[in-house]
Amino acid sequence: KYLLLPALLGALTMKQVNPTKRLEHVQAARVYFMDFLQRCKNYDVCSFQLPKTSENTADTPTEEQTNPSVPMPMPQPDLIAMATQRQAKIERFKQRKETEAKLSEIRGQVESGSADEEMVRDFYLLHVRRWVTLALEEIDSINQETEILKRMELFKQSAPQPSPPRRPPMKPFILTKDAVQAKVFGAGYPSLPTMTVDDWYEQHRRQGCLPDQGIPRSAANHDTEEDERAERERKEENNDKEALQKARDWDDWKDTHRRGYGNRKNMG
């Protein structure tokens, strides 16, 4: 049981998801798997070839590795080595399938407690052998991923950082009271543009930046008339004596005076 502890730690480390620390995670997982395989090799659990500890883990990169802009020469493919690796993977896959089939056969007896000591021992040995094949496959994938991650890190370090765009400097100007003063300052400082207060006001008026712009002037008068009408109606509804008397006098005056009375322009 406890012999599987390094392998389980390696599998758990590989499941961690953190892109910034991915290289550290895969390297730590490789250490766990190598520890597990070394222990299995020492106890002669099964026959397998132990991976090299220095494979793809060199701390001193070459000149091509430190400079990603320089294309690395493609190594000549070793057909014999590739065929050997392919055959080894096929053999490991077959062994893992056979081990899983045997585990499924005796799992029920071991879990029910009806198995003897020899069967229990075989059950745990099959578990260890299954994890040996899994650890070998994980180390192969870790070696490939480590090389890719190191290349990406070197590329990020050597990539030039884009500089922020520079803002053009603003030209100064002088506010003057009138056009005469503008001519005086303009004659002395031809490189500085001048502007009078009237010009500044006219420019902001055209742009609509003045505080009183955007508010119609007739709105205030309209609101005043509405308020007077509402106040008059409110007084009439409340039976105000003065308002009623004034309204009656106005009605009487309109009865005795036709429309336009007193207007000399009508000549009536």
C-alpha atoms as a PDB file:
ATOM      1  CA  LYS A   1       0.000   0.000   0.000  1.00  0.00           C
ATOM      2  CA  TYR A   2       2.592   2.544   1.104  1.00  0.00           C
ATOM      3  CA  LEU A   3       4.822   1.827  -1.875  1.00  0.00           C
ATOM      4  CA  LEU A   4       2.259   3.625  -4.060  1.00  0.00           C
ATOM      5  CA  LEU A   5       2.532   6.874  -2.079  1.00  0.00           C
ATOM      6  CA  PRO A   6       5.127   8.619  -4.353  1.00  0.00           C
ATOM      7  CA  ALA A   7       3.170   7.641  -7.471  1.00  0.00           C
ATOM      8  CA  LEU A   8      -0.071   9.002  -6.026  1.00  0.00           C
ATOM      9  CA  LEU A   9       1.684  12.242  -5.038  1.00  0.00           C
ATOM     10  CA  GLY A  10       3.017  12.591  -8.577  1.00  0.00           C
ATOM     11  CA  ALA A  11      -0.436  12.045 -10.094  1.00  0.00           C
ATOM     12  CA  LEU A  12      -1.943  14.597  -7.707  1.00  0.00           C
ATOM     13  CA  THR A  13       0.758  17.152  -8.565  1.00  0.00           C
ATOM     14  CA  MET A  14       0.055  16.747 -12.282  1.00  0.00           C
ATOM     15  CA  LYS A  15      -3.604  17.630 -11.699  1.00  0.00           C
ATOM     16  CA  GLN A  16      -2.776  21.080 -10.303  1.00  0.00           C
ATOM     17  CA  VAL A  17      -3.844  23.873 -12.642  1.00  0.00           C
ATOM     18  CA  ASN A  18      -1.687  26.998 -12.420  1.00  0.00           C
ATOM     19  CA  PRO A  19      -0.156  28.219 -15.708  1.00  0.00           C
ATOM     20  CA  THR A  20       2.433  30.402 -13.952  1.00  0.00           C
ATOM     21  CA  LYS A  21       3.831  27.448 -11.958  1.00  0.00           C
ATOM     22  CA  ARG A  22       3.291  24.666 -14.477  1.00  0.00           C
ATOM     23  CA  LEU A  23       7.021  24.028 -14.949  1.00  0.00           C
ATOM     24  CA  GLU A  24       7.534  23.633 -11.199  1.00  0.00           C
ATOM     25  CA  HIS A  25       4.598  21.234 -10.965  1.00  0.00           C
ATOM     26  CA  VAL A  26       5.766  18.930 -13.756  1.00  0.00           C
ATOM     27  CA  GLN A  27       9.314  18.868 -12.386  1.00  0.00           C
ATOM     28  CA  ALA A  28       8.048  17.996  -8.898  1.00  0.00           C
ATOM     29  CA  ALA A  29       5.788  15.283 -10.355  1.00  0.00           C
ATOM     30  CA  ARG A  30       8.752  13.810 -12.232  1.00  0.00           C
ATOM     31  CA  VAL A  31      10.711  13.588  -8.977  1.00  0.00           C
ATOM     32  CA  TYR A  32       7.821  11.699  -7.344  1.00  0.00           C
ATOM     33  CA  PHE A  33       7.495   9.260 -10.244  1.00  0.00           C
ATOM     34  CA  MET A  34      11.251   8.657 -10.383  1.00  0.00           C
ATOM     35  CA  ASP A  35      11.289   7.959  -6.639  1.00  0.00           C
ATOM     36  CA  PHE A  36       8.479   5.447  -7.085  1.00  0.00           C
ATOM     37  CA  LEU A  37      10.197   3.710 -10.008  1.00  0.00           C
ATOM     38  CA  GLN A  38      13.521   3.592  -8.172  1.00  0.00           C
ATOM     39  CA  ARG A  39      11.890   1.891  -5.183  1.00  0.00           C
ATOM     40  CA  CYS A  40      10.160  -0.622  -7.454  1.00  0.00           C
ATOM     41  CA  LYS A  41      13.481  -1.289  -9.174  1.00  0.00           C
ATOM     42  CA  ASN A  42      15.210  -1.862  -5.846  1.00  0.00           C
ATOM     43  CA  TYR A  43      12.516  -4.293  -4.669  1.00  0.00           C
ATOM     44  CA  ASP A  44      12.453  -6.001  -8.097  1.00  0.00           C
ATOM     45  CA  VAL A  45       8.687  -5.673  -8.394  1.00  0.00           C
ATOM     46  CA  CYS A  46       8.784  -6.054 -12.176  1.00  0.00           C
ATOM     47  CA  SER A  47      11.280  -5.776 -15.000  1.00  0.00           C
ATOM     48  CA  PHE A  48      11.482  -2.375 -16.705  1.00  0.00           C
ATOM     49  CA  GLN A  49      14.109   0.098 -17.843  1.00  0.00           C
ATOM     50  CA  LEU A  50      14.535   3.034 -15.475  1.00  0.00           C
ATOM     51  CA  PRO A  51      14.438   6.412 -17.293  1.00  0.00           C
ATOM     52  CA  LYS A  52      17.520   8.592 -17.176  1.00  0.00           C
ATOM     53  CA  THR A  53      17.424  11.236 -14.461  1.00  0.00           C
ATOM     54  CA  SER A  54      19.327  13.775 -16.577  1.00  0.00           C
ATOM     55  CA  GLU A  55      17.028  13.472 -19.587  1.00  0.00           C
ATOM     56  CA  ASN A  56      15.664  16.892 -20.568  1.00  0.00           C
ATOM     57  CA  THR A  57      16.563  18.309 -17.138  1.00  0.00           C
ATOM     58  CA  ALA A  58      19.874  20.018 -17.862  1.00  0.00           C
ATOM     59  CA  ASP A  59      20.332  23.229 -15.889  1.00  0.00           C
ATOM     60  CA  THR A  60      22.878  24.717 -18.329  1.00  0.00           C
ATOM     61  CA  PRO A  61      21.064  25.450 -21.605  1.00  0.00           C
ATOM     62  CA  THR A  62      22.971  25.706 -24.833  1.00  0.00           C
ATOM     63  CA  GLU A  63      23.371  28.833 -26.932  1.00  0.00           C
ATOM     64  CA  GLU A  64      20.504  27.837 -29.216  1.00  0.00           C
ATOM     65  CA  GLN A  65      18.215  27.313 -26.205  1.00  0.00           C
ATOM     66  CA  THR A  66      19.035  30.696 -24.633  1.00  0.00           C
ATOM     67  CA  ASN A  67      18.369  32.523 -27.917  1.00  0.00           C
ATOM     68  CA  PRO A  68      14.965  31.497 -29.290  1.00  0.00           C
ATOM     69  CA  SER A  69      15.423  33.697 -32.374  1.00  0.00           C
ATOM     70  CA  VAL A  70      18.188  31.379 -33.582  1.00  0.00           C
ATOM     71  CA  PRO A  71      16.562  28.353 -35.219  1.00  0.00           C
ATOM     72  CA  MET A  72      17.691  25.106 -33.639  1.00  0.00           C
ATOM     73  CA  PRO A  73      18.984  22.510 -36.080  1.00  0.00           C
ATOM     74  CA  MET A  74      16.624  19.616 -36.494  1.00  0.00           C
ATOM     75  CA  PRO A  75      18.315  16.400 -35.340  1.00  0.00           C
ATOM     76  CA  GLN A  76      18.393  13.491 -37.684  1.00  0.00           C
ATOM     77  CA  PRO A  77      15.645  11.024 -36.748  1.00  0.00           C
ATOM     78  CA  ASP A  78      16.949   7.742 -35.360  1.00  0.00           C
ATOM     79  CA  LEU A  79      14.614   5.212 -36.900  1.00  0.00           C
ATOM     80  CA  ILE A  80      15.894   2.364 -34.761  1.00  0.00           C
ATOM     81  CA  ALA A  81      15.377   4.314 -31.526  1.00  0.00           C
ATOM     82  CA  MET A  82      11.916   5.418 -32.641  1.00  0.00           C
ATOM     83  CA  ALA A  83      10.928   1.850 -33.449  1.00  0.00           C
ATOM     84  CA  THR A  84      12.254   0.682 -30.085  1.00  0.00           C
ATOM     85  CA  GLN A  85      10.271   3.327 -28.217  1.00  0.00           C
ATOM     86  CA  ARG A  86       7.138   2.470 -30.150  1.00  0.00           C
ATOM     87  CA  GLN A  87       7.530  -1.218 -29.373  1.00  0.00           C
ATOM     88  CA  ALA A  88       8.130  -0.450 -25.683  1.00  0.00           C
ATOM     89  CA  LYS A  89       4.950   1.617 -25.533  1.00  0.00           C
ATOM     90  CA  ILE A  90       2.964  -1.188 -27.128  1.00  0.00           C
ATOM     91  CA  GLU A  91       4.348  -3.699 -24.628  1.00  0.00           C
ATOM     92  CA  ARG A  92       3.539  -1.421 -21.688  1.00  0.00           C
ATOM     93  CA  PHE A  93       0.018  -0.926 -22.998  1.00  0.00           C
ATOM     94  CA  LYS A  94      -0.519  -4.690 -23.261  1.00  0.00           C
ATOM     95  CA  GLN A  95       0.878  -5.257 -19.767  1.00  0.00           C
ATOM     96  CA  ARG A  96      -1.371  -2.580 -18.313  1.00  0.00           C
ATOM     97  CA  LYS A  97      -4.458  -4.103 -19.944  1.00  0.00           C
ATOM     98  CA  GLU A  98      -3.578  -7.577 -18.651  1.00  0.00           C
ATOM     99  CA  THR A  99      -2.920  -6.202 -15.165  1.00  0.00           C
ATOM    100  CA  GLU A 100      -6.241  -4.340 -15.102  1.00  0.00           C
ATOM    101  CA  ALA A 101      -8.075  -7.483 -16.240  1.00  0.00           C
ATOM    102  CA  LYS A 102      -6.526  -9.532 -13.415  1.00  0.00           C
ATOM    103  CA  LEU A 103      -7.323  -6.797 -10.903  1.00  0.00           C
ATOM    104  CA  SER A 104     -10.978  -6.769 -11.922  1.00  0.00           C
ATOM    105  CA  GLU A 105     -11.137 -10.563 -11.437  1.00  0.00           C
ATOM    106  CA  ILE A 106      -9.824 -10.666  -7.859  1.00  0.00           C
ATOM    107  CA  ARG A 107     -11.055  -7.266  -6.669  1.00  0.00           C
ATOM    108  CA  GLY A 108     -14.413  -8.623  -5.541  1.00  0.00           C
ATOM    109  CA  GLN A 109     -12.880 -11.394  -3.436  1.00  0.00           C
ATOM    110  CA  VAL A 110     -10.376  -9.046  -1.779  1.00  0.00           C
ATOM    111  CA  GLU A 111     -12.987  -6.430  -0.955  1.00  0.00           C
ATOM    112  CA  SER A 112     -15.405  -9.042   0.410  1.00  0.00           C
ATOM    113  CA  GLY A 113     -12.684 -10.493   2.672  1.00  0.00           C
ATOM    114  CA  SER A 114     -12.896 -14.038   1.288  1.00  0.00           C
ATOM    115  CA  ALA A 115      -9.425 -13.944  -0.332  1.00  0.00           C
ATOM    116  CA  ASP A 116      -6.413 -15.583   1.301  1.00  0.00           C
ATOM    117  CA  GLU A 117      -3.078 -13.877   1.999  1.00  0.00           C
ATOM    118  CA  GLU A 118      -1.534 -14.985  -1.284  1.00  0.00           C
ATOM    119  CA  MET A 119      -4.392 -13.478  -3.292  1.00  0.00           C
ATOM    120  CA  VAL A 120      -4.229 -10.231  -1.302  1.00  0.00           C
ATOM    121  CA  ARG A 121      -0.494 -10.046  -1.939  1.00  0.00           C
ATOM    122  CA  ASP A 122      -1.029 -10.585  -5.677  1.00  0.00           C
ATOM    123  CA  PHE A 123      -3.723  -7.910  -5.644  1.00  0.00           C
ATOM    124  CA  TYR A 124      -1.376  -5.246  -4.266  1.00  0.00           C
ATOM    125  CA  LEU A 125       1.489  -6.348  -6.513  1.00  0.00           C
ATOM    126  CA  LEU A 126      -0.767  -5.953  -9.539  1.00  0.00           C
ATOM    127  CA  HIS A 127      -1.639  -2.463  -8.352  1.00  0.00           C
ATOM    128  CA  VAL A 128       2.042  -1.576  -8.085  1.00  0.00           C
ATOM    129  CA  ARG A 129       2.823  -3.000 -11.552  1.00  0.00           C
ATOM    130  CA  ARG A 130      -0.064  -1.068 -13.052  1.00  0.00           C
ATOM    131  CA  TRP A 131       1.288   2.151 -11.563  1.00  0.00           C
ATOM    132  CA  VAL A 132       4.760   1.328 -12.901  1.00  0.00           C
ATOM    133  CA  THR A 133       3.431   1.423 -16.462  1.00  0.00           C
ATOM    134  CA  LEU A 134       1.484   4.609 -15.706  1.00  0.00           C
ATOM    135  CA  ALA A 135       4.569   6.279 -14.201  1.00  0.00           C
ATOM    136  CA  LEU A 136       6.686   5.437 -17.253  1.00  0.00           C
ATOM    137  CA  GLU A 137       4.073   6.978 -19.557  1.00  0.00           C
ATOM    138  CA  GLU A 138       3.788  10.063 -17.350  1.00  0.00           C
ATOM    139  CA  ILE A 139       7.562  10.590 -17.368  1.00  0.00           C
ATOM    140  CA  ASP A 140       7.622  10.472 -21.180  1.00  0.00           C
ATOM    141  CA  SER A 141       4.915  13.129 -21.402  1.00  0.00           C
ATOM    142  CA  ILE A 142       6.587  15.211 -18.656  1.00  0.00           C
ATOM    143  CA  ASN A 143       9.881  15.241 -20.576  1.00  0.00           C
ATOM    144  CA  GLN A 144       8.158  16.594 -23.678  1.00  0.00           C
ATOM    145  CA  GLU A 145       6.126  19.163 -21.743  1.00  0.00           C
ATOM    146  CA  THR A 146       9.184  20.364 -19.791  1.00  0.00           C
ATOM    147  CA  GLU A 147      11.064  21.097 -22.995  1.00  0.00           C
ATOM    148  CA  ILE A 148       8.115  23.087 -24.373  1.00  0.00           C
ATOM    149  CA  LEU A 149       7.669  25.075 -21.148  1.00  0.00           C
ATOM    150  CA  LYS A 150      11.360  25.993 -20.998  1.00  0.00           C
ATOM    151  CA  ARG A 151      11.285  27.217 -24.580  1.00  0.00           C
ATOM    152  CA  MET A 152       8.200  29.323 -23.855  1.00  0.00           C
ATOM    153  CA  GLU A 153       9.820  30.876 -20.777  1.00  0.00           C
ATOM    154  CA  LEU A 154      12.969  31.793 -22.701  1.00  0.00           C
ATOM    155  CA  PHE A 155      10.875  33.271 -25.497  1.00  0.00           C
ATOM    156  CA  LYS A 156       8.936  35.459 -23.030  1.00  0.00           C
ATOM    157  CA  GLN A 157      12.156  36.723 -21.446  1.00  0.00           C
ATOM    158  CA  SER A 158      13.760  37.610 -24.791  1.00  0.00           C
ATOM    159  CA  ALA A 159      10.631  39.156 -26.351  1.00  0.00           C
ATOM    160  CA  PRO A 160      10.896  42.996 -26.466  1.00  0.00           C
ATOM    161  CA  GLN A 161       8.362  44.840 -24.356  1.00  0.00           C
ATOM    162  CA  PRO A 162       6.230  47.302 -26.382  1.00  0.00           C
ATOM    163  CA  SER A 163       6.882  50.886 -25.320  1.00  0.00           C
ATOM    164  CA  PRO A 164       3.819  53.059 -24.595  1.00  0.00           C
ATOM    165  CA  PRO A 165       3.059  55.698 -27.263  1.00  0.00           C
ATOM    166  CA  ARG A 166       4.471  59.122 -26.437  1.00  0.00           C
ATOM    167  CA  ARG A 167       1.995  61.976 -26.211  1.00  0.00           C
ATOM    168  CA  PRO A 168       2.943  65.069 -28.237  1.00  0.00           C
ATOM    169  CA  PRO A 169       3.681  68.115 -26.045  1.00  0.00           C
ATOM    170  CA  MET A 170       1.014  70.820 -25.859  1.00  0.00           C
ATOM    171  CA  LYS A 171       1.809  74.258 -27.239  1.00  0.00           C
ATOM    172  CA  PRO A 172       1.397  77.153 -24.758  1.00  0.00           C
ATOM    173  CA  PHE A 173      -0.811  80.157 -25.504  1.00  0.00           C
ATOM    174  CA  ILE A 174      -1.412  83.560 -23.871  1.00  0.00           C
ATOM    175  CA  LEU A 175      -4.829  84.978 -22.932  1.00  0.00           C
ATOM    176  CA  THR A 176      -4.985  88.726 -23.644  1.00  0.00           C
ATOM    177  CA  LYS A 177      -7.677  91.311 -22.969  1.00  0.00           C
ATOM    178  CA  ASP A 178      -7.992  92.846 -26.417  1.00  0.00           C
ATOM    179  CA  ALA A 179      -6.674  92.624 -29.941  1.00  0.00           C
ATOM    180  CA  VAL A 180      -4.118  95.427 -29.410  1.00  0.00           C
ATOM    181  CA  GLN A 181      -2.478  93.568 -26.559  1.00  0.00           C
ATOM    182  CA  ALA A 182      -2.550  90.423 -28.681  1.00  0.00           C
ATOM    183  CA  LYS A 183      -0.621  92.223 -31.414  1.00  0.00           C
ATOM    184  CA  VAL A 184       1.948  93.431 -28.897  1.00  0.00           C
ATOM    185  CA  PHE A 185       2.558  89.972 -27.475  1.00  0.00           C
ATOM    186  CA  GLY A 186       2.407  88.454 -30.919  1.00  0.00           C
ATOM    187  CA  ALA A 187       5.105  90.786 -32.195  1.00  0.00           C
ATOM    188  CA  GLY A 188       7.405  89.900 -29.298  1.00  0.00           C
ATOM    189  CA  TYR A 189       6.708  86.169 -29.293  1.00  0.00           C
ATOM    190  CA  PRO A 190       5.876  85.037 -32.810  1.00  0.00           C
ATOM    191  CA  SER A 191       6.244  81.348 -31.905  1.00  0.00           C
ATOM    192  CA  LEU A 192       3.493  81.484 -29.236  1.00  0.00           C
ATOM    193  CA  PRO A 193      -0.116  81.693 -30.460  1.00  0.00           C
ATOM    194  CA  THR A 194      -2.181  84.440 -28.788  1.00  0.00           C
ATOM    195  CA  MET A 195      -5.903  84.659 -28.105  1.00  0.00           C
ATOM    196  CA  THR A 196      -8.063  87.455 -26.750  1.00  0.00           C
ATOM    197  CA  VAL A 197     -10.798  86.973 -24.167  1.00  0.00           C
ATOM    198  CA  ASP A 198     -13.445  87.656 -26.812  1.00  0.00           C
ATOM    199  CA  ASP A 199     -11.871  85.084 -29.126  1.00  0.00           C
ATOM    200  CA  TRP A 200     -11.764  82.554 -26.305  1.00  0.00           C
ATOM    201  CA  TYR A 201     -15.418  83.239 -25.435  1.00  0.00           C
ATOM    202  CA  GLU A 202     -16.491  83.028 -29.073  1.00  0.00           C
ATOM    203  CA  GLN A 203     -14.613  79.748 -29.558  1.00  0.00           C
ATOM    204  CA  HIS A 204     -16.233  78.172 -26.484  1.00  0.00           C
ATOM    205  CA  ARG A 205     -19.634  79.512 -27.539  1.00  0.00           C
ATOM    206  CA  ARG A 206     -19.328  77.787 -30.914  1.00  0.00           C
ATOM    207  CA  GLN A 207     -18.273  74.569 -29.203  1.00  0.00           C
ATOM    208  CA  GLY A 208     -21.151  74.760 -26.710  1.00  0.00           C
ATOM    209  CA  CYS A 209     -18.888  74.687 -23.644  1.00  0.00           C
ATOM    210  CA  LEU A 210     -20.336  77.722 -21.830  1.00  0.00           C
ATOM    211  CA  PRO A 211     -22.360  77.144 -18.640  1.00  0.00           C
ATOM    212  CA  ASP A 212     -25.494  78.965 -19.850  1.00  0.00           C
ATOM    213  CA  GLN A 213     -25.636  77.132 -23.170  1.00  0.00           C
ATOM    214  CA  GLY A 214     -28.090  74.338 -23.682  1.00  0.00           C
ATOM    215  CA  ILE A 215     -30.821  76.003 -21.529  1.00  0.00           C
ATOM    216  CA  PRO A 216     -33.568  77.707 -23.591  1.00  0.00           C
ATOM    217  CA  ARG A 217     -34.391  81.232 -22.410  1.00  0.00           C
ATOM    218  CA  SER A 218     -38.100  80.853 -23.076  1.00  0.00           C
ATOM    219  CA  ALA A 219     -38.258  77.993 -20.600  1.00  0.00           C
ATOM    220  CA  ALA A 220     -38.143  80.364 -17.616  1.00  0.00           C
ATOM    221  CA  ASN A 221     -40.959  82.580 -18.996  1.00  0.00           C
ATOM    222  CA  HIS A 222     -43.030  79.546 -19.846  1.00  0.00           C
ATOM    223  CA  ASP A 223     -42.594  78.188 -16.341  1.00  0.00           C
ATOM    224  CA  THR A 224     -43.653  81.573 -14.860  1.00  0.00           C
ATOM    225  CA  GLU A 225     -46.873  81.667 -16.890  1.00  0.00           C
ATOM    226  CA  GLU A 226     -47.666  78.103 -15.926  1.00  0.00           C
ATOM    227  CA  ASP A 227     -47.116  78.930 -12.254  1.00  0.00           C
ATOM    228  CA  GLU A 228     -49.414  81.989 -12.438  1.00  0.00           C
ATOM    229  CA  ARG A 229     -52.152  80.007 -14.169  1.00  0.00           C
ATOM    230  CA  ALA A 230     -51.877  77.195 -11.644  1.00  0.00           C
ATOM    231  CA  GLU A 231     -51.977  79.686  -8.749  1.00  0.00           C
ATOM    232  CA  ARG A 232     -55.088  81.374 -10.184  1.00  0.00           C
ATOM    233  CA  GLU A 233     -56.872  78.056 -10.649  1.00  0.00           C
ATOM    234  CA  ARG A 234     -55.921  76.994  -7.147  1.00  0.00           C
ATOM    235  CA  LYS A 235     -57.387  80.188  -5.685  1.00  0.00           C
ATOM    236  CA  GLU A 236     -60.605  79.773  -7.659  1.00  0.00           C
ATOM    237  CA  GLU A 237     -60.955  76.189  -6.486  1.00  0.00           C
ATOM    238  CA  ASN A 238     -60.439  77.272  -2.864  1.00  0.00           C
ATOM    239  CA  ASN A 239     -63.169  79.968  -3.218  1.00  0.00           C
ATOM    240  CA  ASP A 240     -60.771  82.852  -2.594  1.00  0.00           C
ATOM    241  CA  LYS A 241     -62.920  86.015  -2.306  1.00  0.00           C
ATOM    242  CA  GLU A 242     -60.440  88.338  -3.941  1.00  0.00           C
ATOM    243  CA  ALA A 243     -59.823  85.962  -6.813  1.00  0.00           C
ATOM    244  CA  LEU A 244     -63.551  85.407  -7.343  1.00  0.00           C
ATOM    245  CA  GLN A 245     -64.281  89.134  -7.266  1.00  0.00           C
ATOM    246  CA  LYS A 246     -61.482  89.853  -9.701  1.00  0.00           C
ATOM    247  CA  ALA A 247     -62.729  87.147 -12.072  1.00  0.00           C
ATOM    248  CA  ARG A 248     -66.304  88.484 -11.918  1.00  0.00           C
ATOM    249  CA  ASP A 249     -65.144  92.062 -12.593  1.00  0.00           C
ATOM    250  CA  TRP A 250     -63.166  90.843 -15.563  1.00  0.00           C
ATOM    251  CA  ASP A 251     -66.199  89.005 -16.946  1.00  0.00           C
ATOM    252  CA  ASP A 252     -68.391  92.108 -16.497  1.00  0.00           C
ATOM    253  CA  TRP A 253     -65.815  94.291 -18.240  1.00  0.00           C
ATOM    254  CA  LYS A 254     -65.657  91.890 -21.186  1.00  0.00           C
ATOM    255  CA  ASP A 255     -69.466  92.004 -21.458  1.00  0.00           C
ATOM    256  CA  THR A 256     -69.511  95.799 -21.891  1.00  0.00           C
ATOM    257  CA  HIS A 257     -66.301  96.157 -23.917  1.00  0.00           C
ATOM    258  CA  ARG A 258     -65.778  94.366 -27.149  1.00  0.00           C
ATOM    259  CA  ARG A 259     -62.481  92.755 -28.110  1.00  0.00           C
ATOM    260  CA  GLY A 260     -59.807  95.301 -29.091  1.00  0.00           C
ATOM    261  CA  TYR A 261     -61.439  98.202 -27.211  1.00  0.00           C
ATOM    262  CA  GLY A 262     -58.984 101.017 -26.530  1.00  0.00           C
ATOM    263  CA  ASN A 263     -56.539  99.880 -29.184  1.00  0.00           C
ATOM    264  CA  ARG A 264     -55.934 102.922 -31.386  1.00  0.00           C
ATOM    265  CA  LYS A 265     -54.355 100.890 -34.137  1.00  0.00           C
ATOM    266  CA  ASN A 266     -57.670  99.125 -34.762  1.00  0.00           C
ATOM    267  CA  MET A 267     -59.335 102.556 -35.204  1.00  0.00           C
ATOM    268  CA  GLY A 268     -62.492 101.131 -33.660  1.00  0.00           C
END
